[in-house]
N, C-alpha and C. Protein backbone atom coordinates (compact mmCIF):
# COMPACT_ATOMS: atom_id res chain seq x y z
N UNK A 1 63.21 -51.27 -52.40
CA UNK A 1 62.33 -52.33 -51.49
C UNK A 1 62.86 -53.54 -52.02
N UNK A 2 62.95 -54.74 -50.92
CA UNK A 2 63.43 -56.00 -51.11
C UNK A 2 62.09 -56.73 -51.64
N UNK A 3 62.31 -57.96 -52.62
CA UNK A 3 61.21 -58.54 -52.80
C UNK A 3 60.45 -58.83 -51.90
N UNK A 4 61.07 -59.45 -50.73
CA UNK A 4 60.43 -59.85 -49.64
C UNK A 4 59.40 -58.81 -48.93
N UNK A 5 59.70 -57.58 -49.09
CA UNK A 5 58.89 -56.30 -48.52
C UNK A 5 57.65 -56.39 -49.58
N UNK A 6 58.13 -56.40 -50.96
CA UNK A 6 56.85 -56.07 -51.83
C UNK A 6 55.91 -57.06 -51.41
N UNK A 7 56.00 -58.44 -50.87
CA UNK A 7 55.11 -59.02 -50.56
C UNK A 7 54.24 -58.88 -49.44
N UNK A 8 54.65 -58.06 -48.25
CA UNK A 8 54.29 -57.82 -47.25
C UNK A 8 52.92 -56.96 -47.52
N UNK A 9 52.13 -57.04 -46.37
CA UNK A 9 51.11 -55.96 -46.37
C UNK A 9 51.99 -54.57 -46.12
N UNK A 10 50.94 -53.55 -46.31
CA UNK A 10 51.52 -52.04 -46.26
C UNK A 10 52.02 -51.81 -44.71
N UNK A 11 51.33 -52.39 -43.77
CA UNK A 11 51.84 -51.92 -42.49
C UNK A 11 52.93 -52.51 -42.19
N UNK A 12 53.26 -53.55 -42.49
CA UNK A 12 54.38 -54.29 -42.25
C UNK A 12 55.47 -54.02 -43.13
N UNK A 13 55.51 -53.65 -44.13
CA UNK A 13 56.62 -53.38 -45.12
C UNK A 13 56.99 -51.74 -44.61
N UNK A 14 56.20 -51.03 -44.42
CA UNK A 14 56.78 -49.57 -44.21
C UNK A 14 57.28 -49.75 -42.92
N UNK A 15 56.91 -50.61 -42.07
CA UNK A 15 57.64 -50.76 -40.68
C UNK A 15 58.93 -51.38 -40.78
N UNK A 16 59.16 -52.18 -41.50
CA UNK A 16 60.32 -53.09 -42.02
C UNK A 16 61.42 -52.19 -42.83
N UNK A 17 61.09 -51.14 -43.44
CA UNK A 17 61.85 -50.40 -44.35
C UNK A 17 62.66 -49.12 -43.27
N UNK A 18 61.74 -48.80 -42.24
CA UNK A 18 62.30 -47.76 -41.34
C UNK A 18 63.24 -48.53 -40.21
N UNK A 19 62.81 -49.64 -39.74
CA UNK A 19 63.41 -50.46 -38.82
C UNK A 19 64.61 -50.75 -39.34
N UNK A 20 64.88 -51.24 -40.84
CA UNK A 20 65.87 -51.63 -41.09
C UNK A 20 67.04 -50.68 -41.48
N UNK A 21 66.61 -49.47 -41.52
CA UNK A 21 67.42 -48.29 -42.09
C UNK A 21 68.62 -48.31 -41.06
N UNK A 22 69.96 -48.22 -41.47
CA UNK A 22 71.00 -48.37 -40.92
C UNK A 22 71.38 -47.39 -39.76
N UNK A 23 70.81 -45.72 -40.10
CA UNK A 23 71.20 -44.82 -39.25
C UNK A 23 70.29 -44.49 -38.45
N UNK A 24 70.50 -43.37 -37.54
CA UNK A 24 69.58 -43.01 -36.55
C UNK A 24 68.50 -41.99 -37.06
N UNK A 25 68.86 -41.59 -38.05
CA UNK A 25 67.98 -40.51 -38.98
C UNK A 25 67.84 -41.04 -40.35
N UNK A 26 66.56 -40.71 -40.88
CA UNK A 26 66.44 -41.14 -41.91
C UNK A 26 65.71 -39.92 -42.98
N UNK A 27 66.08 -39.78 -44.11
CA UNK A 27 65.83 -38.42 -45.10
C UNK A 27 64.57 -38.98 -45.77
N UNK A 28 63.94 -37.85 -46.18
CA UNK A 28 63.01 -38.30 -47.17
C UNK A 28 63.43 -38.85 -48.65
N UNK A 29 64.46 -38.37 -48.97
CA UNK A 29 65.00 -39.19 -50.26
C UNK A 29 65.46 -40.65 -49.65
N UNK A 30 66.01 -41.08 -48.44
CA UNK A 30 65.97 -42.49 -48.10
C UNK A 30 65.01 -43.13 -48.36
N UNK A 31 63.79 -42.48 -47.63
CA UNK A 31 62.51 -43.25 -47.95
C UNK A 31 62.15 -43.59 -49.24
N UNK A 32 62.13 -42.56 -50.30
CA UNK A 32 61.87 -42.57 -51.59
C UNK A 32 62.69 -43.88 -52.27
N UNK A 33 64.16 -44.03 -51.74
CA UNK A 33 65.13 -44.92 -52.23
C UNK A 33 64.69 -46.20 -51.87
N UNK A 34 63.82 -46.71 -50.68
CA UNK A 34 63.50 -47.68 -50.28
C UNK A 34 62.05 -48.39 -50.56
N UNK A 35 61.18 -47.25 -51.07
CA UNK A 35 59.91 -47.64 -51.22
C UNK A 35 59.66 -48.45 -52.47
N UNK A 36 60.53 -48.21 -53.40
CA UNK A 36 60.16 -48.93 -54.74
C UNK A 36 59.35 -48.37 -55.51
N UNK A 37 58.45 -49.21 -56.46
CA UNK A 37 57.81 -49.02 -57.49
C UNK A 37 56.11 -48.24 -56.84
N UNK A 38 55.69 -49.06 -55.62
CA UNK A 38 54.52 -48.36 -55.01
C UNK A 38 54.99 -47.30 -54.37
N UNK A 39 55.71 -46.71 -54.53
CA UNK A 39 56.31 -45.68 -53.56
C UNK A 39 55.28 -44.34 -53.42
N UNK A 40 54.76 -44.16 -54.17
CA UNK A 40 53.59 -42.99 -54.33
C UNK A 40 52.63 -43.29 -53.10
N UNK A 41 52.26 -44.43 -53.31
CA UNK A 41 51.20 -45.05 -52.08
C UNK A 41 51.92 -44.82 -50.65
N UNK A 42 53.10 -45.50 -50.71
CA UNK A 42 53.45 -45.53 -49.13
C UNK A 42 53.83 -44.03 -48.70
N UNK A 43 54.27 -43.40 -49.77
CA UNK A 43 54.68 -41.66 -49.03
C UNK A 43 53.25 -41.05 -48.73
N UNK A 44 52.48 -41.47 -49.67
CA UNK A 44 50.78 -40.98 -49.21
C UNK A 44 50.45 -41.53 -47.88
N UNK A 45 50.68 -42.56 -47.76
CA UNK A 45 50.44 -43.13 -46.23
C UNK A 45 51.11 -42.38 -45.20
N UNK A 46 52.59 -42.50 -45.22
CA UNK A 46 53.36 -41.95 -44.43
C UNK A 46 52.81 -40.25 -43.98
N UNK A 47 52.63 -39.66 -45.11
CA UNK A 47 52.32 -38.43 -44.63
C UNK A 47 50.82 -38.12 -44.35
N UNK A 48 49.91 -39.09 -44.80
CA UNK A 48 48.69 -38.80 -44.47
C UNK A 48 48.40 -38.94 -42.81
N UNK A 49 49.26 -40.11 -42.49
CA UNK A 49 49.20 -40.29 -41.02
C UNK A 49 49.57 -39.06 -40.22
N UNK A 50 50.91 -38.77 -40.64
CA UNK A 50 51.68 -37.75 -40.05
C UNK A 50 50.71 -36.47 -39.93
N UNK A 51 49.99 -36.19 -41.06
CA UNK A 51 48.92 -34.99 -40.92
C UNK A 51 47.82 -35.20 -39.87
N UNK A 52 47.34 -36.41 -39.89
CA UNK A 52 46.09 -36.73 -39.17
C UNK A 52 46.60 -36.63 -37.74
N UNK A 53 47.56 -36.95 -37.37
CA UNK A 53 47.79 -37.00 -35.84
C UNK A 53 48.99 -36.04 -35.14
N UNK A 54 49.63 -35.01 -36.12
CA UNK A 54 50.29 -33.95 -35.87
C UNK A 54 49.62 -32.84 -35.18
N UNK A 55 49.88 -32.18 -34.48
CA UNK A 55 49.24 -30.49 -34.20
C UNK A 55 49.05 -29.80 -35.24
N UNK A 56 47.99 -29.22 -35.29
CA UNK A 56 47.53 -28.13 -36.36
C UNK A 56 48.94 -27.56 -37.21
N UNK A 57 49.86 -26.84 -36.35
CA UNK A 57 51.05 -26.11 -37.14
C UNK A 57 51.93 -27.15 -37.64
N UNK A 58 52.41 -28.41 -37.37
CA UNK A 58 53.01 -29.36 -37.63
C UNK A 58 52.31 -30.07 -38.99
N UNK A 59 50.95 -30.17 -38.81
CA UNK A 59 50.29 -30.80 -39.72
C UNK A 59 50.38 -29.76 -41.30
N UNK A 60 50.67 -28.62 -41.15
CA UNK A 60 50.86 -27.73 -42.19
C UNK A 60 52.15 -27.72 -42.86
N UNK A 61 53.37 -28.15 -42.29
CA UNK A 61 54.53 -28.37 -42.37
C UNK A 61 54.47 -29.97 -43.13
N UNK A 62 53.91 -30.99 -42.78
CA UNK A 62 53.82 -32.25 -43.18
C UNK A 62 52.87 -32.32 -44.41
N UNK A 63 52.07 -31.19 -44.72
CA UNK A 63 51.39 -31.32 -45.80
C UNK A 63 52.16 -30.56 -47.25
N UNK A 64 53.08 -30.01 -46.73
CA UNK A 64 53.88 -29.27 -47.97
C UNK A 64 54.34 -30.56 -49.09
N UNK A 65 55.02 -31.48 -48.44
CA UNK A 65 55.50 -32.61 -49.47
C UNK A 65 54.26 -33.49 -50.03
N UNK A 66 53.12 -33.41 -49.41
CA UNK A 66 51.80 -34.30 -49.94
C UNK A 66 51.37 -33.13 -50.89
N UNK A 67 51.69 -32.00 -51.04
CA UNK A 67 51.03 -31.12 -52.47
C UNK A 67 51.86 -31.40 -53.42
N UNK A 68 53.10 -31.37 -53.34
CA UNK A 68 54.15 -31.81 -54.11
C UNK A 68 53.91 -33.22 -54.98
N UNK A 69 53.74 -34.52 -54.01
CA UNK A 69 53.44 -35.77 -54.71
C UNK A 69 52.13 -35.46 -55.48
N UNK A 70 51.21 -35.06 -54.75
CA UNK A 70 49.54 -35.05 -55.33
C UNK A 70 49.95 -34.51 -56.93
N UNK A 71 50.48 -33.25 -56.93
CA UNK A 71 50.93 -32.65 -58.30
C UNK A 71 51.57 -33.51 -59.20
N UNK A 72 52.53 -34.17 -58.54
CA UNK A 72 53.30 -35.29 -59.70
C UNK A 72 52.60 -36.37 -59.99
N UNK A 73 51.25 -36.80 -59.18
CA UNK A 73 50.45 -37.80 -59.74
C UNK A 73 49.44 -37.30 -60.92
N UNK A 74 49.01 -36.11 -60.52
CA UNK A 74 48.20 -35.33 -61.52
C UNK A 74 49.07 -35.37 -62.64
N UNK A 75 50.31 -34.95 -62.81
CA UNK A 75 51.03 -34.94 -63.96
C UNK A 75 51.50 -36.19 -64.77
N UNK A 76 51.13 -37.46 -64.19
CA UNK A 76 51.73 -38.57 -64.59
C UNK A 76 52.93 -39.24 -64.26
N UNK A 77 53.83 -38.76 -63.07
CA UNK A 77 54.89 -39.17 -62.86
C UNK A 77 55.02 -40.67 -62.58
N UNK A 78 55.88 -41.41 -62.91
CA UNK A 78 56.01 -42.91 -62.33
C UNK A 78 56.56 -43.13 -61.01
N UNK A 79 57.23 -41.96 -60.66
CA UNK A 79 57.77 -42.21 -59.35
C UNK A 79 57.96 -40.75 -58.67
N UNK A 80 57.95 -40.82 -57.45
CA UNK A 80 58.02 -39.53 -56.88
C UNK A 80 59.30 -38.87 -56.98
N UNK A 81 59.44 -37.46 -57.22
CA UNK A 81 60.67 -36.82 -57.28
C UNK A 81 60.76 -35.38 -56.25
N UNK A 82 61.82 -35.47 -55.66
CA UNK A 82 61.90 -34.46 -54.34
C UNK A 82 63.08 -33.56 -54.96
N UNK A 83 62.95 -32.10 -54.58
CA UNK A 83 64.21 -31.38 -55.03
C UNK A 83 65.32 -31.97 -53.87
N UNK A 84 66.24 -31.66 -54.07
CA UNK A 84 67.39 -32.31 -52.96
C UNK A 84 67.39 -31.33 -51.50
N UNK A 85 66.84 -30.02 -51.57
CA UNK A 85 66.70 -29.38 -50.52
C UNK A 85 65.55 -29.98 -49.61
N UNK A 86 64.23 -30.52 -50.26
CA UNK A 86 63.37 -30.89 -49.63
C UNK A 86 63.89 -32.57 -49.23
N UNK A 87 64.45 -33.39 -50.07
CA UNK A 87 64.73 -34.45 -49.96
C UNK A 87 65.60 -34.82 -48.80
N UNK A 88 66.81 -33.64 -48.67
CA UNK A 88 67.62 -33.98 -47.44
C UNK A 88 67.07 -33.87 -45.90
N UNK A 89 65.76 -33.47 -45.84
CA UNK A 89 65.05 -33.11 -44.70
C UNK A 89 64.74 -34.62 -44.13
N UNK A 90 65.24 -34.64 -42.72
CA UNK A 90 65.40 -36.05 -42.14
C UNK A 90 64.54 -36.03 -40.78
N UNK A 91 64.32 -37.24 -40.27
CA UNK A 91 63.95 -37.26 -39.13
C UNK A 91 64.32 -38.18 -38.44
N UNK A 92 64.20 -38.22 -36.76
CA UNK A 92 64.78 -39.62 -35.98
C UNK A 92 64.20 -40.83 -36.19
N UNK A 93 64.82 -41.93 -36.73
CA UNK A 93 64.19 -42.89 -37.15
C UNK A 93 63.23 -43.50 -35.97
N UNK A 94 63.34 -43.31 -34.62
CA UNK A 94 62.74 -43.76 -33.81
C UNK A 94 61.44 -43.00 -33.78
N UNK A 95 61.54 -41.62 -33.77
CA UNK A 95 60.18 -40.79 -34.11
C UNK A 95 59.28 -41.27 -34.80
N UNK A 96 59.91 -41.67 -36.31
CA UNK A 96 59.19 -41.95 -37.48
C UNK A 96 58.40 -43.33 -36.94
N UNK A 97 59.19 -44.44 -36.46
CA UNK A 97 58.76 -45.65 -36.25
C UNK A 97 57.43 -45.80 -35.30
N UNK A 98 57.82 -44.80 -34.19
CA UNK A 98 56.96 -44.90 -33.24
C UNK A 98 55.52 -44.19 -33.95
N UNK A 99 55.38 -43.19 -34.63
CA UNK A 99 54.33 -42.54 -35.39
C UNK A 99 53.87 -43.57 -36.22
N UNK A 100 54.27 -44.34 -36.90
CA UNK A 100 53.97 -45.40 -37.70
C UNK A 100 53.33 -46.59 -36.77
N UNK A 101 53.67 -46.83 -35.79
CA UNK A 101 53.23 -47.74 -34.74
C UNK A 101 51.88 -47.39 -34.30
N UNK A 102 51.90 -46.34 -34.17
CA UNK A 102 50.28 -45.80 -33.85
C UNK A 102 49.34 -45.62 -34.88
N UNK A 103 49.62 -45.85 -35.92
CA UNK A 103 48.41 -46.02 -36.84
C UNK A 103 48.42 -47.52 -37.19
N UNK A 104 49.41 -48.30 -36.82
CA UNK A 104 49.46 -50.18 -37.52
C UNK A 104 48.06 -50.60 -37.38
N UNK A 105 47.65 -50.40 -35.91
CA UNK A 105 46.09 -51.37 -35.75
C UNK A 105 45.23 -50.77 -36.65
N UNK A 106 44.99 -49.62 -36.94
CA UNK A 106 43.85 -49.01 -37.91
C UNK A 106 44.15 -49.50 -39.25
N UNK A 107 45.45 -49.70 -39.73
CA UNK A 107 46.06 -49.98 -41.08
C UNK A 107 45.78 -51.35 -41.19
N UNK A 108 45.83 -52.17 -40.29
CA UNK A 108 45.77 -53.76 -40.07
C UNK A 108 44.06 -53.93 -40.52
N UNK A 109 43.29 -53.14 -40.05
CA UNK A 109 42.08 -53.38 -40.10
C UNK A 109 41.42 -53.24 -41.29
N UNK A 110 42.27 -52.06 -42.13
CA UNK A 110 41.86 -52.32 -43.35
C UNK A 110 42.41 -52.91 -44.29
N UNK A 111 43.55 -53.22 -44.11
CA UNK A 111 44.20 -54.43 -45.00
C UNK A 111 43.41 -55.42 -44.95
N UNK A 112 42.71 -55.98 -43.68
CA UNK A 112 41.99 -57.23 -43.82
C UNK A 112 40.73 -57.28 -44.88
N UNK A 113 40.30 -56.08 -45.28
CA UNK A 113 39.32 -56.14 -46.17
C UNK A 113 40.00 -55.62 -47.37
N UNK A 114 41.42 -55.63 -47.78
CA UNK A 114 41.71 -55.37 -48.94
C UNK A 114 41.95 -56.60 -49.79
N UNK A 115 41.97 -56.42 -51.02
CA UNK A 115 41.97 -57.38 -52.33
C UNK A 115 42.26 -56.66 -53.53
N UNK A 116 43.10 -57.08 -54.52
CA UNK A 116 43.03 -56.50 -55.69
C UNK A 116 41.72 -56.70 -56.54
N UNK A 117 40.80 -55.53 -56.77
CA UNK A 117 39.51 -55.58 -57.31
C UNK A 117 39.32 -54.41 -58.12
N UNK A 118 38.85 -54.10 -59.29
CA UNK A 118 38.13 -52.91 -59.68
C UNK A 118 39.39 -51.96 -60.11
N UNK A 119 40.72 -52.48 -60.63
CA UNK A 119 41.81 -52.23 -60.74
C UNK A 119 42.16 -51.10 -61.54
N UNK A 120 40.92 -50.56 -62.28
CA UNK A 120 40.87 -49.66 -63.50
C UNK A 120 40.85 -48.43 -62.37
N UNK A 121 40.50 -48.52 -61.50
CA UNK A 121 40.14 -47.40 -60.37
C UNK A 121 41.62 -46.83 -59.82
N UNK A 122 42.51 -47.85 -59.94
CA UNK A 122 43.89 -47.47 -59.58
C UNK A 122 44.95 -47.70 -60.71
N UNK A 123 44.53 -47.57 -61.85
CA UNK A 123 45.25 -47.50 -63.03
C UNK A 123 45.77 -45.82 -63.43
N UNK A 124 46.51 -45.74 -64.52
CA UNK A 124 47.19 -44.39 -64.60
C UNK A 124 46.09 -43.39 -64.59
N UNK A 125 44.67 -43.37 -65.27
CA UNK A 125 43.76 -42.31 -65.21
C UNK A 125 43.43 -42.21 -63.67
N UNK A 126 43.29 -43.50 -63.07
CA UNK A 126 42.76 -43.50 -61.71
C UNK A 126 43.65 -42.79 -60.94
N UNK A 127 44.85 -42.77 -61.02
CA UNK A 127 45.92 -42.35 -60.27
C UNK A 127 45.89 -40.66 -60.22
N UNK A 128 45.63 -40.37 -61.48
CA UNK A 128 45.83 -38.95 -61.76
C UNK A 128 44.45 -38.31 -61.07
N UNK A 129 43.50 -38.52 -61.26
CA UNK A 129 42.28 -38.49 -60.44
C UNK A 129 42.39 -38.17 -59.05
N UNK A 130 42.89 -39.52 -58.62
CA UNK A 130 43.33 -39.45 -57.10
C UNK A 130 44.05 -38.57 -56.84
N UNK A 131 45.23 -38.20 -57.61
CA UNK A 131 46.18 -36.98 -57.22
C UNK A 131 45.42 -35.46 -57.25
N UNK A 132 44.60 -35.24 -57.88
CA UNK A 132 43.47 -34.28 -57.91
C UNK A 132 42.94 -34.01 -56.57
N UNK A 133 42.26 -35.13 -56.03
CA UNK A 133 41.35 -35.22 -54.64
C UNK A 133 42.63 -34.97 -53.71
N UNK A 134 43.63 -35.59 -53.75
CA UNK A 134 44.55 -35.71 -52.58
C UNK A 134 44.99 -34.21 -52.57
N UNK A 135 45.46 -33.68 -53.77
CA UNK A 135 45.92 -32.11 -53.60
C UNK A 135 44.91 -31.06 -52.85
N UNK A 136 43.28 -31.29 -53.17
CA UNK A 136 42.50 -30.53 -52.65
C UNK A 136 42.56 -31.02 -51.05
N UNK A 137 42.66 -32.30 -50.76
CA UNK A 137 42.43 -32.49 -49.46
C UNK A 137 43.78 -32.05 -48.58
N UNK A 138 44.92 -32.03 -49.30
CA UNK A 138 46.04 -31.39 -48.58
C UNK A 138 46.05 -29.86 -48.50
N UNK A 139 45.29 -29.33 -49.55
CA UNK A 139 45.36 -27.61 -49.25
C UNK A 139 44.51 -27.53 -47.88
N UNK A 140 43.17 -28.28 -47.75
CA UNK A 140 42.51 -28.35 -46.36
C UNK A 140 43.43 -28.50 -45.13
N UNK A 141 44.35 -29.49 -45.40
CA UNK A 141 45.27 -29.71 -44.28
C UNK A 141 45.98 -28.49 -43.95
N UNK A 142 46.29 -27.64 -44.80
CA UNK A 142 47.30 -26.63 -44.84
C UNK A 142 46.41 -25.34 -44.09
N UNK A 143 45.35 -25.33 -44.10
CA UNK A 143 44.61 -24.32 -43.78
C UNK A 143 44.58 -24.39 -42.24
N UNK A 144 44.17 -23.10 -41.22
CA UNK A 144 43.94 -23.47 -40.07
C UNK A 144 42.56 -23.69 -39.69
N UNK A 145 42.47 -24.28 -38.40
CA UNK A 145 40.96 -24.33 -38.04
C UNK A 145 40.69 -26.08 -37.53
N UNK A 146 39.65 -26.06 -36.77
CA UNK A 146 39.67 -27.22 -36.15
C UNK A 146 38.97 -28.09 -37.05
N UNK A 147 39.39 -29.56 -37.20
CA UNK A 147 38.89 -30.68 -38.41
C UNK A 147 39.74 -30.42 -39.42
N UNK A 148 40.59 -29.40 -39.83
CA UNK A 148 40.98 -29.55 -41.06
C UNK A 148 42.32 -30.32 -41.41
N UNK A 149 42.98 -31.11 -40.27
CA UNK A 149 43.95 -32.14 -40.38
C UNK A 149 43.76 -33.39 -40.29
N UNK A 150 42.76 -33.75 -39.20
CA UNK A 150 42.63 -35.12 -39.16
C UNK A 150 41.78 -36.17 -39.89
N UNK A 151 40.61 -35.20 -40.12
CA UNK A 151 39.89 -35.94 -41.40
C UNK A 151 40.39 -36.39 -42.67
N UNK A 152 41.04 -35.09 -43.23
CA UNK A 152 41.82 -35.16 -44.57
C UNK A 152 42.72 -36.20 -44.78
N UNK A 153 43.68 -35.94 -43.24
CA UNK A 153 44.87 -37.15 -43.18
C UNK A 153 44.31 -38.64 -43.21
N UNK A 154 43.41 -39.05 -42.50
CA UNK A 154 42.83 -40.25 -42.70
C UNK A 154 42.42 -40.41 -43.84
N UNK A 155 41.71 -39.90 -44.37
CA UNK A 155 41.22 -40.17 -45.90
C UNK A 155 42.34 -40.48 -46.73
N UNK A 156 43.33 -39.72 -46.95
CA UNK A 156 44.45 -39.86 -47.54
C UNK A 156 45.45 -41.08 -47.23
N UNK A 157 45.29 -41.41 -45.91
CA UNK A 157 45.73 -42.47 -45.50
C UNK A 157 45.04 -43.95 -45.96
N UNK A 158 43.76 -43.70 -45.84
CA UNK A 158 42.90 -44.94 -46.16
C UNK A 158 43.18 -45.36 -47.69
N UNK A 159 42.97 -43.87 -48.43
CA UNK A 159 43.19 -44.12 -49.92
C UNK A 159 44.57 -44.67 -50.34
N UNK A 160 45.66 -44.31 -49.65
CA UNK A 160 47.02 -44.92 -50.29
C UNK A 160 47.26 -46.32 -49.94
N UNK A 161 46.47 -46.82 -48.59
CA UNK A 161 46.55 -48.33 -48.05
C UNK A 161 45.67 -49.07 -49.52
N UNK A 162 44.61 -48.73 -50.09
CA UNK A 162 44.04 -49.26 -51.18
C UNK A 162 44.80 -49.07 -52.52
N UNK A 163 45.54 -47.81 -52.66
CA UNK A 163 46.60 -48.12 -53.93
C UNK A 163 47.53 -48.69 -53.56
N UNK A 164 48.22 -49.08 -52.61
CA UNK A 164 49.21 -49.90 -52.30
C UNK A 164 48.70 -51.59 -52.76
N UNK A 165 47.33 -51.79 -52.13
CA UNK A 165 46.84 -53.12 -51.97
C UNK A 165 46.17 -53.13 -53.69
N UNK A 166 46.16 -52.35 -54.35
CA UNK A 166 45.37 -52.20 -55.86
C UNK A 166 44.06 -52.61 -55.66
N UNK A 167 43.35 -52.24 -54.49
CA UNK A 167 42.15 -52.37 -54.37
C UNK A 167 40.98 -51.16 -54.89
N UNK A 168 40.68 -51.18 -56.04
CA UNK A 168 39.54 -50.00 -56.49
C UNK A 168 38.51 -49.71 -55.38
N UNK A 169 37.87 -50.81 -55.25
CA UNK A 169 36.64 -50.53 -54.40
C UNK A 169 37.02 -49.89 -53.25
N UNK A 170 38.23 -50.20 -52.53
CA UNK A 170 38.34 -49.60 -51.19
C UNK A 170 38.74 -47.68 -51.48
N UNK A 171 39.26 -47.84 -52.95
CA UNK A 171 39.46 -46.13 -53.31
C UNK A 171 38.35 -45.58 -53.42
N UNK A 172 37.46 -46.26 -53.94
CA UNK A 172 36.05 -45.74 -54.27
C UNK A 172 35.46 -45.16 -52.89
N UNK A 173 35.84 -46.13 -51.66
CA UNK A 173 34.97 -45.69 -50.59
C UNK A 173 35.92 -44.71 -49.88
N UNK A 174 37.20 -44.55 -50.10
CA UNK A 174 38.24 -43.55 -49.72
C UNK A 174 37.73 -42.12 -50.27
N UNK A 175 37.08 -42.22 -51.50
CA UNK A 175 36.77 -40.81 -52.25
C UNK A 175 35.66 -40.60 -51.34
N UNK A 176 34.40 -41.49 -51.18
CA UNK A 176 33.31 -41.23 -50.35
C UNK A 176 34.06 -40.61 -49.07
N UNK A 177 34.86 -41.15 -48.47
CA UNK A 177 35.14 -40.64 -47.12
C UNK A 177 35.95 -39.34 -47.07
N UNK A 178 36.54 -38.83 -48.49
CA UNK A 178 37.21 -37.72 -48.62
C UNK A 178 35.99 -36.50 -48.62
N UNK A 179 34.90 -36.92 -49.24
CA UNK A 179 33.56 -35.81 -49.44
C UNK A 179 33.60 -35.47 -48.05
N UNK A 180 33.51 -36.58 -47.08
CA UNK A 180 33.08 -35.95 -45.70
C UNK A 180 34.07 -35.05 -44.98
N UNK A 181 35.28 -35.58 -45.21
CA UNK A 181 36.43 -34.80 -44.85
C UNK A 181 36.46 -33.18 -45.21
N UNK A 182 36.34 -33.32 -46.60
CA UNK A 182 36.25 -31.99 -47.09
C UNK A 182 34.87 -31.04 -46.27
N UNK A 183 34.01 -31.63 -46.25
CA UNK A 183 32.80 -30.90 -45.56
C UNK A 183 33.44 -30.64 -44.26
N UNK A 184 34.03 -31.69 -43.25
CA UNK A 184 34.38 -31.22 -42.15
C UNK A 184 35.41 -30.04 -42.03
N UNK A 185 36.40 -30.49 -42.80
CA UNK A 185 36.97 -29.00 -43.06
C UNK A 185 36.48 -27.81 -43.52
N UNK A 186 35.44 -27.79 -44.35
CA UNK A 186 34.91 -26.75 -44.81
C UNK A 186 34.21 -25.80 -43.42
N UNK A 187 33.67 -26.89 -42.60
CA UNK A 187 32.98 -26.28 -41.70
C UNK A 187 33.97 -25.83 -40.50
N UNK A 188 35.14 -26.31 -40.39
CA UNK A 188 36.22 -25.81 -39.26
C UNK A 188 36.73 -24.62 -39.96
N UNK A 189 36.88 -24.29 -41.43
CA UNK A 189 37.63 -22.94 -41.77
C UNK A 189 36.50 -22.37 -41.71
N UNK A 190 35.13 -22.39 -42.01
CA UNK A 190 34.10 -21.59 -41.82
C UNK A 190 34.04 -20.81 -40.33
N UNK A 191 34.39 -21.89 -39.28
CA UNK A 191 34.42 -21.31 -38.00
C UNK A 191 35.52 -20.31 -37.67
N UNK A 192 36.54 -20.62 -38.16
CA UNK A 192 37.61 -19.79 -38.17
C UNK A 192 37.36 -18.48 -38.80
N UNK A 193 36.70 -18.19 -40.17
CA UNK A 193 36.76 -16.95 -40.87
C UNK A 193 35.53 -16.22 -40.04
N UNK A 194 34.54 -16.92 -39.38
CA UNK A 194 33.38 -16.42 -38.88
C UNK A 194 33.38 -15.98 -37.62
N UNK A 195 33.99 -16.65 -36.70
CA UNK A 195 34.01 -16.52 -35.44
C UNK A 195 35.46 -16.24 -34.82
N UNK A 196 36.23 -17.07 -35.22
CA UNK A 196 37.91 -16.71 -34.33
C UNK A 196 38.65 -15.27 -35.09
N UNK A 197 38.32 -15.27 -36.23
CA UNK A 197 39.07 -14.11 -36.88
C UNK A 197 38.74 -12.73 -36.35
N UNK A 198 37.16 -12.61 -36.59
CA UNK A 198 36.61 -11.47 -35.93
C UNK A 198 37.04 -11.07 -34.57
N UNK A 199 37.02 -12.08 -33.86
CA UNK A 199 37.18 -11.91 -32.34
C UNK A 199 38.82 -11.49 -32.17
N UNK A 200 39.88 -12.30 -33.05
CA UNK A 200 41.08 -11.90 -32.79
C UNK A 200 41.35 -10.54 -33.40
N UNK A 201 40.57 -10.00 -34.40
CA UNK A 201 40.69 -8.71 -34.77
C UNK A 201 40.07 -7.55 -33.78
N UNK A 202 38.90 -8.18 -33.07
CA UNK A 202 38.59 -7.24 -32.12
C UNK A 202 39.34 -6.93 -31.15
N UNK A 203 40.29 -7.95 -30.59
CA UNK A 203 41.29 -7.98 -29.59
C UNK A 203 42.30 -7.16 -30.02
N UNK A 204 42.72 -7.21 -31.06
CA UNK A 204 44.01 -6.30 -31.66
C UNK A 204 43.40 -4.93 -31.74
N UNK A 205 42.24 -4.66 -32.22
CA UNK A 205 41.91 -3.23 -32.18
C UNK A 205 41.73 -2.64 -30.73
N UNK A 206 41.32 -3.45 -29.83
CA UNK A 206 41.12 -2.81 -28.41
C UNK A 206 42.49 -2.69 -27.59
N UNK A 207 43.49 -3.55 -28.19
CA UNK A 207 44.88 -3.71 -27.35
C UNK A 207 45.61 -2.31 -28.08
N UNK A 208 45.20 -2.24 -29.16
CA UNK A 208 46.04 -1.05 -30.11
C UNK A 208 45.12 0.39 -29.59
N UNK A 209 43.95 0.33 -29.47
CA UNK A 209 43.10 1.67 -28.72
C UNK A 209 43.83 1.92 -27.72
N UNK A 210 44.12 0.72 -26.52
CA UNK A 210 44.70 1.13 -25.34
C UNK A 210 46.10 1.58 -25.26
N UNK A 211 46.91 0.87 -26.30
CA UNK A 211 48.39 1.40 -26.55
C UNK A 211 48.52 2.79 -26.69
N UNK A 212 47.63 3.34 -27.75
CA UNK A 212 47.87 4.45 -28.11
C UNK A 212 46.98 5.69 -27.32
N UNK A 213 46.08 5.05 -26.56
CA UNK A 213 46.05 6.07 -25.24
C UNK A 213 46.79 6.11 -24.52
N UNK A 214 47.54 5.67 -24.46
CA UNK A 214 48.94 5.99 -23.57
C UNK A 214 49.78 7.08 -23.70
N UNK A 215 49.64 7.24 -25.01
CA UNK A 215 50.87 8.43 -25.42
C UNK A 215 49.84 9.69 -26.00
């Protein structure tokens, strides 16, 4: 990341990185190379937004890198690392820019109230604990069910902005929002287990009985 980008707000810096990329497609490794020392926060922001607005099936795909990044935060990595096979995955630059633009108004609203404070909550120990929370939220995103991707994705994006801006108070607020997101995700998963799966199983049994009756 350039020195100029480091002084920009998160919403401006991340759009600048994507817009200035010279090719039509941008890989995960390209993003890692451009994001600089606060890359964990920026990557959580990108994939948190993607998980929040993507359809459930695609949200599960976007949750996989989040699981890896969260585990690395817990382990105390200084910077994110990706296997070459995952780092080579690429996106159309125009699509990524359009996705980020959709989130910019909300990001800027959060940034208005951000300022460096309570920075022990975003220090080394704080980031490890946040990694645990992000890992749990990401597992919820990966599970099927209504409400399992949008609230956790928003909570991750919210906390990532607070991490980037070094605002411990907003990180704490993000933790509280994460509790709400986990509860909503639990309700969605409970709905799948108690209502949807039994209905699907009953339909499968009925269709199988019909098919076997023909022979």
